[in-house]
Protein backbone atom coordinates (compact mmCIF):
# COMPACT_ATOMS: atom_id res chain seq x y z
CA MET A 1 -4.02 17.96 -7.22
CA SER A 2 -3.31 18.54 -3.67
CA GLN A 3 0.12 20.23 -2.45
CA LYS A 4 2.61 18.29 -0.67
CA ILE A 5 5.21 19.16 1.90
CA PRO A 6 7.76 16.25 1.89
CA VAL A 7 10.25 16.69 4.93
CA LEU A 8 12.59 13.55 3.70
CA ILE A 9 12.92 12.20 0.16
CA LEU A 10 15.09 8.91 -0.39
CA THR A 11 16.35 7.70 -3.68
CA VAL A 12 16.03 4.02 -4.28
CA SER A 13 16.38 1.98 -7.38
CA ALA A 14 12.98 1.05 -9.03
CA LEU A 15 12.38 -2.87 -9.01
CA GLY A 16 10.02 -3.30 -11.86
CA ALA A 17 7.77 -0.55 -13.28
CA VAL A 18 6.50 2.16 -10.75
CA SER A 19 3.74 4.69 -11.44
CA ALA A 20 3.79 8.11 -10.10
CA HIS A 21 2.09 8.68 -6.62
CA ARG A 22 2.06 5.00 -5.57
CA PHE A 23 3.45 3.45 -2.51
CA VAL A 24 6.96 1.83 -2.67
CA GLY A 25 8.14 -1.03 -0.49
CA PHE A 26 11.83 -0.94 0.75
CA ASP A 27 12.76 -3.12 -2.02
CA GLY A 28 12.00 -0.35 -4.58
CA ALA A 29 9.04 -2.07 -6.08
CA GLN A 30 5.45 -0.86 -6.33
CA VAL A 31 3.73 -2.36 -3.00
CA SER A 32 1.73 -5.34 -4.56
CA ALA A 33 -0.17 -6.65 -1.64
CA SER A 34 -3.15 -4.93 0.16
CA GLY A 35 -2.18 -3.34 3.23
CA GLY A 36 1.81 -4.07 2.74
CA LYS A 37 4.40 -2.26 4.24
CA SER A 38 5.83 0.66 2.43
CA LEU A 39 8.92 2.95 2.56
CA GLY A 40 7.20 6.18 0.72
CA VAL A 41 5.37 7.16 -2.17
CA SER A 42 6.94 7.66 -5.41
CA THR A 43 7.17 11.12 -6.86
CA PHE A 44 7.18 10.04 -10.77
CA ASP A 45 6.86 7.27 -13.13
CA ALA A 46 10.19 4.72 -13.40
CA THR A 47 11.17 2.04 -15.13
CA ASP A 48 12.99 -0.98 -13.78
CA GLY A 49 16.45 -0.06 -12.71
CA GLN A 50 15.83 3.83 -12.80
CA ASP A 51 16.70 5.99 -9.79
CA LEU A 52 13.11 6.80 -8.18
CA ALA A 53 12.60 9.68 -5.45
CA LEU A 54 10.46 8.62 -2.69
CA ASP A 55 8.55 11.08 -0.15
CA VAL A 56 9.14 9.39 2.71
CA VAL A 57 8.44 11.81 5.88
CA GLY A 58 5.89 14.70 5.73
CA THR A 59 2.91 15.12 3.18
CA THR A 60 2.62 13.67 -0.08
CA VAL A 61 0.08 13.18 -2.98
CA VAL A 62 -1.01 9.76 -3.59
CA GLU A 63 -3.35 8.20 -6.02
CA ALA A 64 -6.69 7.03 -4.69
CA ALA A 65 -8.22 3.56 -5.54
CA GLY A 66 -11.93 4.71 -4.37
CA ALA A 67 -13.49 6.72 -1.91
CA ILE A 68 -11.49 7.85 1.15
CA ALA A 69 -12.55 10.52 3.80
CA VAL A 70 -10.66 13.00 5.62
CA GLY A 71 -8.95 11.45 8.49
CA ALA A 72 -9.21 7.91 7.28
CA ASP A 73 -6.25 5.38 7.75
CA VAL A 74 -4.67 4.71 4.48
CA VAL A 75 -3.08 1.67 3.41
CA SER A 76 -1.67 0.64 -0.10
CA ASP A 77 -3.97 -1.62 -2.18
CA ALA A 78 -2.28 -4.45 -4.22
CA ASN A 79 -1.46 -2.00 -7.02
CA GLY A 80 0.31 0.84 -4.71
CA LEU A 81 -3.04 2.87 -4.89
CA ALA A 82 -4.32 4.40 -1.70
CA ILE A 83 -7.42 2.94 0.04
CA THR A 84 -9.14 3.21 3.20
CA ASN A 85 -7.85 0.76 5.58
CA PRO A 86 -10.30 -2.06 5.35
CA GLY A 87 -9.32 -3.44 9.10
CA VAL A 88 -9.51 -7.02 8.42
CA GLY A 89 -6.04 -7.49 10.10
CA GLY A 90 -2.68 -7.18 9.25
CA GLU A 91 -2.50 -4.04 7.51
CA ILE A 92 0.10 -1.44 8.15
CA VAL A 93 -1.10 1.82 7.94
CA ALA A 94 1.00 4.01 5.73
CA ALA A 95 -1.13 7.41 6.37
CA LYS A 96 -3.62 9.72 7.03
CA ALA A 97 -5.99 11.59 4.79
CA LEU A 98 -5.41 15.08 4.64
CA ASP A 99 -8.13 15.42 1.64
CA SER A 100 -11.02 13.19 0.67
CA ALA A 101 -11.25 11.09 -2.66
CA ALA A 102 -14.87 10.52 -4.23
CA GLY A 103 -13.50 7.60 -5.93
CA ALA A 104 -10.66 6.13 -8.14
CA GLY A 105 -8.40 8.03 -9.77
CA GLU A 106 -8.18 11.08 -7.55
CA PHE A 107 -5.23 12.67 -6.06
CA ILE A 108 -5.21 13.55 -2.56
CA GLU A 109 -2.77 14.70 0.01
CA VAL A 110 -1.88 12.44 2.84
CA LEU A 111 0.37 12.61 5.84
CA LEU A 112 2.76 9.75 5.87
CA VAL A 113 2.95 8.14 9.19
CA GLN A 114 4.99 5.01 9.27
């Protein structure tokens, strides 16, 4: 697993189950729309209503849903996992990849940009 250097960590109340290293929205739910807006990345698993720490500024570690190249614009998929921005329109770039992922299930360091 990659390193991380969070500069700002915020606590939210989890809305539904949230897995570690996933993009989380402003409502505290794991992002459920591909390219959706996120507040930060979860630092651990949480159940509904549990306090959840999010890395919001700096670098963090996300779980990839597929191959990602170093320097790629990263967005969330419909499960809160990191994917390369498909560029079909309307996606909100959440991060820049600092590591590469060869495929799903790998953990990479990203620089949060939004």
